[in-house]
Structure formats: C-alpha cells, structure tokens
Amino acid sequence: MKQIFLVFIVLMIGVGGYFFLIKSSPSVSERLTIEKEWVVDTVRVAKIDSQPTLHLSGKIVAAREADLRPLVEGRIIEIGDNFHEGGLVSRGEILIAIDPFNFKASLTDSEAALSENRSSREEILVQIRKNEALSETYKKQEELRKLELERRVTLSGEGIISKKANDESNFAYLSSRQLRISNDYETQRLKAKIKRLDASILRSEVRVDIAKRNLNETILRAPFDGVLTNISVGIGKWVNSRDYVAQIIDNINLEVLFHMSDEQYGRITSLGELNGRPAMVVWSSGVNTIELKATLNRAEGEFDAASGGVWVYASVHPNGKLKDLRPGAFVQTKTPDIVYPNSFRVIESAIYSDDTVYLFNNGRLEERVIKVVARDGEHLIITGEVQDGDLIVTTRIPEVAPGLKVRTKLE
C-alpha cells in the first residue's frame, strides 16, 4: 500500500511540472502569411470571323475495282510481265494468254461455212438470171405459137388445112406455155432459196463474229490503269470463265472515305450542298508527308447509328504522287468548317471546365464565362464574356480562382 502511494505522488509531481512549464513558457509571436504569386503566360485575343478547319481521320479507297476472270476456257500459255502481286498495269496491257488453237480452228471453220453459203447464193443467183433471161424467150415463143394456132384455127374452119395440123399447132402452143410456167415457178423457188441462204449467211456471219471475239478474248487485258492483287493463277493452269484470276484496283482515281459527326455534317450542309467543297488529304508515309487536293462529292445514304455520324467520300485530284498511294492507307482529311462571326481563337489550355477562361487584370485573375463553339486543331473557337484585346491566361494553374495573384513572364 505504501508503494502505491509513492507511485501516485511521483505521477502528481510529473503532471504538475508539465503544466508549470507550459504556463511559464514565453509567447511565440504570430507568423506573417505571405501570398503566393503565380507566373503565367497570356495571349491578347482579337475578335474576328473565324473559320476553323475540320480534321477528320479516314482511309483511301479505290473509286473502282474489278475481279478479273477469263473470258474463255482454256490453258494459260503466257502471263504478262507485270502480272504479279502489286504489279502496276496500264489499260489494255496483256495479263494472261490462253491457248488459241481451238479458237483459231473454230474461226476457220466458221469462215469456211460462210464462204460456202455465199458461194451457193451466188450460184443460185446465176441460175435465177438465166431463168429470167429464158423467161423472155419462152414468153415470145408462146406468143408466136399462139398466133400460129389462131391462124390455123381460122384456116381449118375454111377447110384449107387439116385438123391434124391444127392439133399439132395447139400442142406446140401448150408446150411453150408449160415451159414458160415451169421456168417462172423454178425462178420463184430459187428466189425463196436465196432468202433461206441469206438467213444461213447471217447465222454464219454471227458465228464468225463470235469466233473472232472468242479468239481475241483468249488474251485477258487490263480494263483500266491500276495495281494487281490477289493473283491466283500461273502458266499451265486450266481456267474457265468462272475462275477468279486476280483483282485490279484503280490507283489513279482514288477517293477518301472519312467520318463526320452528326453535328459536323449538319453545320457543313447548312451552307448548301456537300458536293464540291474543297478538302486537303494528308498522307504520312514514313518520314515524308504528302498533301493532295480533293473535293467532297457524296455522303452515304444513311447515318451510322453506331458511330453517330455519316461516312463521306472525297475524290482525290489526279497527281503524280498517287503512284505510291494505295487503297487502305490511313490519311487525315482537312476541310473548312463554317464561319463563326465575332469569335475568339485561343489554345485549349486556356479553357477551364469547358466554359471558363481567366483574364489577367492588374496582377489578378478575373473569371469569364465563355462557350466553345468549335475546335481548330490545338485551338478552340470561343464566344462569350470576352472583349477585343483582353489578356487571357493560357498557363494551367492547379489552384485557379478569381482574384489569384499572378504576373506574366515578361514582368
């Protein structure tokens, strides 16, 4: 019990000493608070009619492309010098050649049949001309024998000649008449045969034309200037008109396919038609950047609900630089936006919370409410509580607030 009492006494002495030291310590003078000053960049804005440029991502597409297939059936005996993957070909250039033997034989046979029909026609024409010449002779003979018959009938009635002589004259007349009629009918039959031969000749001419076309089509030529891809045949392969041999892509008449948002498309079309608006296509290939002029020409028929916009096509103007450009290349497309009157152009770092900027005014920040109406690359086009000539702070300040003390780097 005595030990517990001693411990209690020691604790009381310690606590009392602690409070005595606090009471007896000298007072510390209050520290002075120093206001922090921020060093900032500023830009003096000017009120202008701004026309930003839309920067849109897209890709190169071919204005036309075609799957190449043989026009006739046969064995490939030759391929063109540029018939390989990525080969550049010109319109009319030979791609593949099919063995023409059967097609030459077919053409020769068709031409022989045509010649035979024409010869038969000429032969019949000669016979018709002969019959027509004989027809005149037969007609005169008939007329003469008719007169002779009439005289003999008169003489027979007077008893001058016998009835037998009269019958002989009648028989001669009928024989000449029959000969003339038979000749005329034969002429008509030959003329009908000429019509049949004309039809046969026409069919033969068609067969000759088909044989000539088939022979010409043993050579498959490039339908237009372009680049070859997906080559699938070689020398010796047997092909027919259903077989796919390659694809040709027009690498001269190229288009750009890019996406516009609903808002962008609405702004552009509010000025009139989309077609005809200028554009610039920027293609970065390694260390080189190539710019190509283009013209907007159409938009797809419906909006893409998934992307919330519409796909737009622009025709790239012909240019010697297009030889190296291929469909599928990713490009940037730039086209003018609408004009925003009485607006200001500032860099993106000057905007806080999408609707606020801060002005530099006598070393203090002043808050202004603005509206971002468009983007132009790294800059934004704004309108709102800003005046021509205001100094807008462009440096990002983590603790930004109205009245914050600042100074420019030039001060």
Protein backbone atom coordinates (compact mmCIF):
# COMPACT_ATOMS: atom_id res chain seq x y z
CA MET A 1 0.00 0.00 0.00
CA LYS A 2 2.87 2.31 0.82
CA GLN A 3 4.45 1.62 -2.61
CA ILE A 4 1.23 2.53 -4.45
CA PHE A 5 1.05 5.78 -2.55
CA LEU A 6 4.64 6.65 -3.56
CA VAL A 7 3.86 5.99 -7.26
CA PHE A 8 0.83 8.23 -7.06
CA ILE A 9 2.94 11.03 -5.52
CA VAL A 10 5.53 10.75 -8.32
CA LEU A 11 2.82 10.95 -11.05
CA MET A 12 1.29 14.02 -9.47
CA ILE A 13 4.65 15.76 -9.29
CA GLY A 14 5.26 14.97 -13.05
CA VAL A 15 1.89 16.32 -14.17
CA GLY A 16 2.30 19.42 -12.09
CA GLY A 17 5.75 20.06 -13.54
CA TYR A 18 4.39 19.70 -17.12
CA PHE A 19 1.68 22.31 -16.61
CA PHE A 20 4.13 24.61 -14.84
CA LEU A 21 6.50 24.56 -17.83
CA ILE A 22 3.66 25.32 -20.28
CA LYS A 23 2.45 28.24 -18.20
CA SER A 24 5.90 29.64 -17.77
CA SER A 25 6.98 29.35 -21.48
CA PRO A 26 7.40 32.65 -23.40
CA SER A 27 4.71 33.53 -26.01
CA VAL A 28 5.68 32.97 -29.71
CA SER A 29 4.98 35.91 -31.96
CA GLU A 30 2.40 35.20 -34.73
CA ARG A 31 3.97 34.30 -38.13
CA LEU A 32 3.30 36.58 -41.09
CA THR A 33 1.31 34.95 -44.02
CA ILE A 34 2.97 35.57 -47.48
CA GLU A 35 0.59 35.44 -50.55
CA LYS A 36 1.80 33.17 -53.36
CA GLU A 37 2.23 34.71 -56.81
CA TRP A 38 1.93 32.65 -59.99
CA VAL A 39 3.96 33.26 -63.15
CA VAL A 40 1.76 32.81 -66.19
CA ASP A 41 1.65 33.12 -69.97
CA THR A 42 -1.01 35.29 -71.56
CA VAL A 43 -2.35 35.94 -75.02
CA ARG A 44 -4.14 39.04 -76.24
CA VAL A 45 -7.22 37.96 -78.13
CA ALA A 46 -8.81 39.67 -81.10
CA LYS A 47 -12.42 39.46 -82.19
CA ILE A 48 -12.53 38.03 -85.73
CA ASP A 49 -14.70 35.99 -88.06
CA SER A 50 -13.13 32.57 -87.55
CA GLN A 51 -13.36 29.68 -90.00
CA PRO A 52 -11.72 26.64 -88.41
CA THR A 53 -10.62 23.55 -90.30
CA LEU A 54 -12.16 20.17 -89.63
CA HIS A 55 -9.52 17.48 -89.09
CA LEU A 56 -11.05 14.13 -89.94
CA SER A 57 -9.45 10.69 -90.00
CA GLY A 58 -10.11 8.44 -92.95
CA LYS A 59 -8.66 5.98 -95.40
CA ILE A 60 -8.00 5.76 -99.11
CA VAL A 61 -10.47 3.69 -101.14
CA ALA A 62 -10.48 2.86 -104.83
CA ALA A 63 -13.04 4.69 -106.95
CA ARG A 64 -13.31 1.45 -108.93
CA GLU A 65 -12.04 -2.08 -108.73
CA ALA A 66 -12.77 -5.27 -110.63
CA ASP A 67 -12.41 -9.02 -110.20
CA LEU A 68 -10.63 -10.40 -113.26
CA ARG A 69 -11.85 -13.66 -114.78
CA PRO A 70 -11.01 -15.37 -118.11
CA LEU A 71 -13.49 -14.66 -120.87
CA VAL A 72 -12.99 -18.09 -122.47
CA GLU A 73 -11.99 -21.56 -121.34
CA GLY A 74 -8.53 -23.00 -121.90
CA ARG A 75 -4.98 -23.49 -120.71
CA ILE A 76 -2.84 -20.47 -119.81
CA ILE A 77 0.26 -20.38 -122.02
CA GLU A 78 1.55 -16.90 -121.21
CA ILE A 79 1.38 -14.27 -118.47
CA GLY A 80 2.19 -10.57 -118.72
CA ASP A 81 5.41 -9.02 -117.45
CA ASN A 82 3.54 -7.14 -114.70
CA PHE A 83 1.12 -9.93 -113.80
CA HIS A 84 2.25 -10.35 -110.21
CA GLU A 85 1.19 -9.19 -106.76
CA GLY A 86 1.35 -5.38 -106.63
CA GLY A 87 2.13 -5.10 -110.34
CA LEU A 88 1.26 -1.78 -111.96
CA VAL A 89 -0.51 -2.24 -115.28
CA SER A 90 -1.86 0.09 -117.95
CA ARG A 91 -5.20 -0.10 -119.70
CA GLY A 92 -5.05 -2.70 -122.48
CA GLU A 93 -1.89 -4.38 -121.19
CA ILE A 94 -1.75 -8.18 -121.57
CA LEU A 95 -2.31 -10.03 -118.30
CA ILE A 96 -2.72 -13.67 -119.38
CA ALA A 97 -2.98 -15.53 -122.71
CA ILE A 98 -4.95 -18.76 -123.22
CA ASP A 99 -4.02 -21.36 -125.85
CA PRO A 100 -5.77 -20.09 -129.04
CA PHE A 101 -5.57 -23.31 -131.14
CA ASN A 102 -9.20 -24.43 -130.72
CA PHE A 103 -10.47 -20.89 -131.21
CA LYS A 104 -8.46 -20.42 -134.42
CA ALA A 105 -9.85 -23.73 -135.72
CA SER A 106 -13.38 -22.64 -134.83
CA LEU A 107 -12.88 -19.34 -136.64
CA THR A 108 -11.54 -21.09 -139.74
CA ASP A 109 -14.49 -23.50 -139.76
CA SER A 110 -16.99 -20.64 -139.37
CA GLU A 111 -15.37 -18.66 -142.15
CA ALA A 112 -15.43 -21.75 -144.43
CA ALA A 113 -19.14 -22.27 -143.75
CA LEU A 114 -19.81 -18.61 -144.50
CA SER A 115 -17.84 -18.81 -147.73
CA GLU A 116 -19.74 -21.94 -148.77
CA ASN A 117 -23.09 -20.28 -148.16
CA ARG A 118 -22.07 -17.21 -150.10
CA SER A 119 -20.91 -19.37 -153.00
CA SER A 120 -24.20 -21.27 -153.02
CA ARG A 121 -26.05 -17.99 -153.06
CA GLU A 122 -24.03 -16.73 -155.99
CA GLU A 123 -24.63 -19.99 -157.84
CA ILE A 124 -28.38 -19.67 -157.37
CA LEU A 125 -28.30 -16.04 -158.44
CA VAL A 126 -26.66 -17.11 -161.69
CA GLN A 127 -29.43 -19.67 -162.23
CA ILE A 128 -32.08 -17.04 -161.49
CA ARG A 129 -30.57 -14.64 -164.01
CA LYS A 130 -30.51 -17.48 -166.55
CA ASN A 131 -34.16 -18.36 -165.86
CA GLU A 132 -35.21 -14.72 -166.11
CA ALA A 133 -33.48 -14.45 -169.49
CA LEU A 134 -35.12 -17.69 -170.69
CA SER A 135 -38.47 -16.47 -169.42
CA GLU A 136 -38.48 -13.70 -172.02
CA THR A 137 -37.63 -16.19 -174.75
CA TYR A 138 -40.30 -18.61 -173.59
CA LYS A 139 -42.84 -15.80 -173.46
CA LYS A 140 -42.11 -14.76 -177.05
CA GLN A 141 -42.26 -18.36 -178.22
CA GLU A 142 -45.62 -18.71 -176.50
CA GLU A 143 -46.94 -15.58 -178.18
CA LEU A 144 -45.76 -16.71 -181.61
CA ARG A 145 -47.23 -20.19 -181.26
CA LYS A 146 -50.49 -18.66 -180.02
CA LEU A 147 -50.69 -16.56 -183.20
CA GLU A 148 -49.84 -19.59 -185.27
CA LEU A 149 -52.60 -21.52 -183.52
CA GLU A 150 -55.13 -18.77 -184.15
CA ARG A 151 -54.27 -18.68 -187.91
CA ARG A 152 -54.55 -22.43 -188.21
CA VAL A 153 -57.89 -22.44 -186.43
CA THR A 154 -59.16 -19.91 -188.99
CA LEU A 155 -57.73 -21.86 -191.91
CA SER A 156 -59.10 -25.11 -190.52
CA GLY A 157 -62.59 -23.58 -190.37
CA GLU A 158 -62.27 -22.70 -194.05
CA GLY A 159 -61.12 -26.26 -194.85
CA ILE A 160 -57.71 -25.08 -196.05
CA ILE A 161 -55.66 -27.15 -193.56
CA SER A 162 -56.33 -30.45 -191.90
CA LYS A 163 -57.49 -30.94 -188.34
CA LYS A 164 -54.22 -32.76 -187.59
CA ALA A 165 -52.17 -29.71 -188.48
CA ASN A 166 -54.42 -27.67 -186.27
CA ASP A 167 -53.90 -30.10 -183.36
CA GLU A 168 -50.12 -30.02 -183.85
CA SER A 169 -50.17 -26.21 -183.63
CA ASN A 170 -52.27 -26.35 -180.44
CA PHE A 171 -49.87 -28.90 -178.90
CA ALA A 172 -46.87 -26.67 -179.72
CA TYR A 173 -48.59 -23.69 -178.11
CA LEU A 174 -49.42 -25.61 -174.94
CA SER A 175 -45.87 -26.99 -174.74
CA SER A 176 -44.33 -23.50 -174.95
CA ARG A 177 -46.81 -22.23 -172.35
CA GLN A 178 -45.96 -25.09 -170.00
CA LEU A 179 -42.25 -24.43 -170.45
CA ARG A 180 -42.68 -20.75 -169.59
CA ILE A 181 -44.75 -21.51 -166.50
CA SER A 182 -42.29 -24.13 -165.28
CA ASN A 183 -39.41 -21.68 -165.73
CA ASP A 184 -41.25 -18.98 -163.80
CA TYR A 185 -42.02 -21.33 -160.91
CA GLU A 186 -38.43 -22.50 -160.82
CA THR A 187 -37.30 -18.88 -160.65
CA GLN A 188 -39.63 -18.24 -157.71
CA ARG A 189 -38.34 -21.37 -155.96
CA LEU A 190 -34.76 -20.23 -156.40
CA LYS A 191 -35.58 -16.79 -155.03
CA ALA A 192 -37.09 -18.41 -151.93
CA LYS A 193 -33.94 -20.47 -151.60
CA ILE A 194 -31.92 -17.23 -151.77
CA LYS A 195 -33.86 -15.96 -148.75
CA ARG A 196 -33.04 -19.14 -146.85
CA LEU A 197 -29.41 -18.80 -147.81
CA ASP A 198 -29.43 -15.14 -146.69
CA ALA A 199 -30.60 -16.30 -143.26
CA SER A 200 -27.96 -19.01 -143.25
CA ILE A 201 -25.31 -16.47 -144.27
CA LEU A 202 -26.42 -14.17 -141.47
CA ARG A 203 -26.05 -17.01 -138.96
CA SER A 204 -22.65 -17.85 -140.40
CA GLU A 205 -21.56 -14.22 -140.09
CA VAL A 206 -22.66 -14.23 -136.45
CA ARG A 207 -20.69 -17.42 -135.86
CA VAL A 208 -17.64 -15.84 -137.47
CA ASP A 209 -18.01 -12.75 -135.26
CA ILE A 210 -18.34 -14.94 -132.17
CA ALA A 211 -15.33 -17.00 -133.20
CA LYS A 212 -13.30 -13.81 -133.76
CA ARG A 213 -14.37 -12.43 -130.39
CA ASN A 214 -13.54 -15.70 -128.64
CA LEU A 215 -10.13 -15.72 -130.31
CA ASN A 216 -9.50 -12.13 -129.22
CA GLU A 217 -10.66 -12.97 -125.71
CA THR A 218 -8.01 -15.65 -125.31
CA ILE A 219 -5.93 -12.65 -124.22
CA LEU A 220 -7.09 -11.06 -120.96
CA ARG A 221 -6.16 -7.38 -120.86
CA ALA A 222 -6.25 -4.80 -118.07
CA PRO A 223 -9.59 -2.92 -118.23
CA PHE A 224 -8.02 0.25 -116.78
CA ASP A 225 -4.82 1.55 -115.21
CA GLY A 226 -4.31 0.04 -111.80
CA VAL A 227 -2.48 -2.27 -109.46
CA LEU A 228 -2.94 -6.05 -109.32
CA THR A 229 -3.61 -8.01 -106.15
CA ASN A 230 -4.76 -11.49 -105.09
CA ILE A 231 -3.06 -13.25 -108.03
CA SER A 232 -4.28 -16.86 -108.14
CA VAL A 233 -3.14 -18.42 -111.47
CA GLY A 234 0.01 -19.22 -113.40
CA ILE A 235 1.24 -20.69 -116.67
CA GLY A 236 -0.23 -24.11 -117.45
CA LYS A 237 -3.36 -23.79 -115.35
CA TRP A 238 -6.68 -24.67 -116.99
CA VAL A 239 -9.26 -21.96 -116.40
CA ASN A 240 -12.79 -21.11 -117.42
CA SER A 241 -14.98 -18.03 -117.26
CA ARG A 242 -15.98 -18.74 -113.64
CA ASP A 243 -12.42 -18.88 -112.32
CA TYR A 244 -11.05 -15.88 -110.41
CA VAL A 245 -7.52 -14.96 -111.55
CA ALA A 246 -6.78 -11.58 -109.90
CA GLN A 247 -8.19 -8.26 -108.76
CA ILE A 248 -7.31 -4.90 -110.26
CA ILE A 249 -7.64 -1.71 -108.23
CA ASP A 250 -7.61 1.74 -109.80
CA ASN A 251 -4.71 3.54 -108.11
CA ILE A 252 -5.14 6.77 -110.09
CA ASN A 253 -8.81 7.62 -109.47
CA LEU A 254 -8.78 7.39 -105.69
CA GLU A 255 -11.23 8.53 -103.05
CA VAL A 256 -11.03 9.25 -99.34
CA LEU A 257 -13.63 7.78 -97.00
CA PHE A 258 -13.90 9.58 -93.67
CA HIS A 259 -16.38 10.02 -90.85
CA MET A 260 -18.28 13.20 -89.93
CA SER A 261 -20.26 13.52 -86.72
CA ASP A 262 -23.92 14.50 -86.89
CA GLU A 263 -23.03 17.99 -85.70
CA GLN A 264 -20.24 18.48 -88.23
CA TYR A 265 -22.34 17.18 -91.09
CA GLY A 266 -25.24 19.39 -90.08
CA ARG A 267 -23.04 22.50 -89.98
CA ILE A 268 -21.48 21.81 -93.37
CA THR A 269 -24.76 21.06 -95.13
CA SER A 270 -26.40 24.13 -93.57
CA LEU A 271 -24.38 26.19 -96.04
CA GLY A 272 -25.65 24.25 -99.04
CA GLU A 273 -24.71 21.04 -100.77
CA LEU A 274 -21.86 18.91 -99.52
CA ASN A 275 -20.70 18.18 -103.07
CA GLY A 276 -17.96 20.39 -104.41
CA ARG A 277 -16.48 21.55 -101.11
CA PRO A 278 -12.66 21.62 -101.16
CA ALA A 279 -10.55 19.36 -98.97
CA MET A 280 -6.90 18.53 -98.37
CA VAL A 281 -5.71 14.97 -97.84
CA VAL A 282 -2.55 14.49 -95.76
CA TRP A 283 -0.73 11.19 -96.12
CA SER A 284 2.22 10.48 -93.85
CA SER A 285 4.45 7.74 -95.26
CA GLY A 286 7.48 7.21 -93.10
CA VAL A 287 9.44 10.46 -92.94
CA ASN A 288 7.52 12.00 -95.84
CA THR A 289 4.23 13.86 -95.65
CA ILE A 290 2.30 14.33 -98.88
CA GLU A 291 -0.62 16.71 -99.29
CA LEU A 292 -3.17 16.07 -102.02
CA LYS A 293 -6.09 18.23 -103.10
CA ALA A 294 -9.54 16.66 -103.01
CA THR A 295 -13.21 17.55 -103.45
CA LEU A 296 -16.12 16.28 -101.38
CA ASN A 297 -18.56 14.53 -103.71
CA ARG A 298 -21.09 12.49 -101.72
CA ALA A 299 -22.19 11.01 -98.43
CA GLU A 300 -23.55 7.55 -97.75
CA GLY A 301 -27.30 7.10 -97.90
CA GLU A 302 -27.91 6.73 -94.17
CA PHE A 303 -26.41 7.75 -90.84
CA ASP A 304 -24.38 5.22 -88.89
CA ALA A 305 -26.17 4.79 -85.59
CA ALA A 306 -23.17 3.06 -84.02
CA SER A 307 -20.74 5.92 -84.70
CA GLY A 308 -23.27 8.74 -84.51
CA GLY A 309 -22.45 10.27 -87.85
CA VAL A 310 -22.18 9.71 -91.56
CA TRP A 311 -19.45 8.46 -93.89
CA VAL A 312 -18.36 10.95 -96.55
CA TYR A 313 -16.42 10.45 -99.80
CA ALA A 314 -13.99 12.90 -101.39
CA SER A 315 -12.36 12.50 -104.81
CA VAL A 316 -8.59 12.94 -104.79
CA HIS A 317 -7.36 15.13 -107.65
CA PRO A 318 -5.04 13.37 -110.15
CA ASN A 319 -1.42 13.77 -109.11
CA GLY A 320 1.86 12.09 -109.96
CA LYS A 321 2.33 11.32 -106.25
CA LEU A 322 -0.61 8.92 -106.39
CA LYS A 323 1.52 6.12 -107.88
CA ASP A 324 2.80 5.21 -104.42
CA LEU A 325 -0.54 5.63 -102.67
CA ARG A 326 -2.64 2.51 -102.22
CA PRO A 327 -6.22 1.87 -101.09
CA GLY A 328 -6.37 1.18 -97.38
CA ALA A 329 -3.79 3.85 -96.44
CA PHE A 330 -4.84 5.91 -93.41
CA VAL A 331 -4.93 9.65 -94.04
CA GLN A 332 -6.04 12.90 -92.45
CA THR A 333 -8.63 14.96 -94.30
CA LYS A 334 -8.93 18.69 -93.75
CA THR A 335 -11.92 20.69 -94.95
CA PRO A 336 -13.14 24.20 -94.00
CA ASP A 337 -15.82 24.45 -91.32
CA ILE A 338 -18.46 27.21 -91.25
CA VAL A 339 -17.56 30.81 -90.36
CA TYR A 340 -18.11 31.90 -86.73
CA PRO A 341 -18.55 35.70 -86.65
CA ASN A 342 -17.28 37.82 -83.74
CA SER A 343 -15.39 34.96 -82.11
CA PHE A 344 -12.01 34.45 -80.47
CA ARG A 345 -9.31 31.86 -81.06
CA VAL A 346 -7.40 30.51 -78.03
CA ILE A 347 -5.35 27.44 -77.20
CA GLU A 348 -7.04 24.61 -75.36
CA SER A 349 -5.03 25.09 -72.13
CA ALA A 350 -6.79 28.43 -71.51
CA ILE A 351 -10.18 26.76 -71.03
CA TYR A 352 -11.32 25.57 -67.57
CA SER A 353 -14.37 23.33 -67.07
CA ASP A 354 -15.26 23.72 -70.75
CA ASP A 355 -16.90 27.11 -70.13
CA THR A 356 -14.46 29.37 -68.25
CA VAL A 357 -11.39 31.47 -69.00
CA TYR A 358 -9.37 33.79 -66.73
CA LEU A 359 -8.23 37.26 -67.69
CA PHE A 360 -5.06 38.96 -66.49
CA ASN A 361 -6.06 42.29 -64.94
CA ASN A 362 -3.58 44.31 -62.86
CA GLY A 363 -1.88 41.23 -61.48
CA ARG A 364 -5.11 39.44 -60.57
CA LEU A 365 -7.28 36.81 -62.28
CA GLU A 366 -10.78 37.63 -63.43
CA GLU A 367 -13.21 34.88 -64.31
CA ARG A 368 -15.20 34.98 -67.56
CA VAL A 369 -17.87 32.57 -68.81
CA ILE A 370 -17.47 31.51 -72.42
CA LYS A 371 -18.86 29.00 -74.90
CA VAL A 372 -16.69 26.73 -77.03
CA VAL A 373 -18.26 26.70 -80.49
CA ALA A 374 -15.63 24.81 -82.50
CA ARG A 375 -12.20 23.22 -82.46
CA ASP A 376 -9.41 24.15 -84.86
CA GLY A 377 -6.52 21.76 -84.30
CA GLU A 378 -4.95 22.64 -80.91
CA HIS A 379 -7.02 25.82 -80.71
CA LEU A 380 -10.63 26.41 -79.74
CA ILE A 381 -13.06 28.98 -81.12
CA ILE A 382 -14.98 30.70 -78.31
CA THR A 383 -17.60 33.37 -77.74
CA GLY A 384 -18.94 34.89 -74.51
CA GLU A 385 -17.84 37.41 -71.84
CA VAL A 386 -14.60 38.33 -73.57
CA GLN A 387 -13.73 41.65 -75.17
CA ASP A 388 -11.45 42.52 -78.04
CA GLY A 389 -7.92 42.99 -76.66
CA ASP A 390 -8.39 41.06 -73.38
CA LEU A 391 -5.38 39.22 -71.96
CA ILE A 392 -6.33 35.58 -71.43
CA VAL A 393 -4.15 33.41 -69.21
CA THR A 394 -3.00 30.28 -71.04
CA THR A 395 -0.93 28.66 -68.27
CA ARG A 396 -2.68 25.89 -66.35
CA ILE A 397 -2.94 26.75 -62.63
CA PRO A 398 -3.98 23.91 -60.30
CA GLU A 399 -5.37 26.30 -57.68
CA VAL A 400 -7.01 28.70 -60.15
CA ALA A 401 -9.60 31.04 -58.70
CA PRO A 402 -10.83 34.59 -59.26
CA GLY A 403 -8.54 37.17 -57.63
CA LEU A 404 -5.49 34.91 -57.60
CA LYS A 405 -2.25 36.92 -57.71
CA VAL A 406 -0.31 36.42 -60.95
CA ARG A 407 2.36 38.04 -63.04
CA THR A 408 3.48 37.49 -66.61
CA LYS A 409 6.88 36.09 -67.50
CA LEU A 410 7.81 39.43 -69.02
CA GLU A 411 7.32 41.28 -65.75
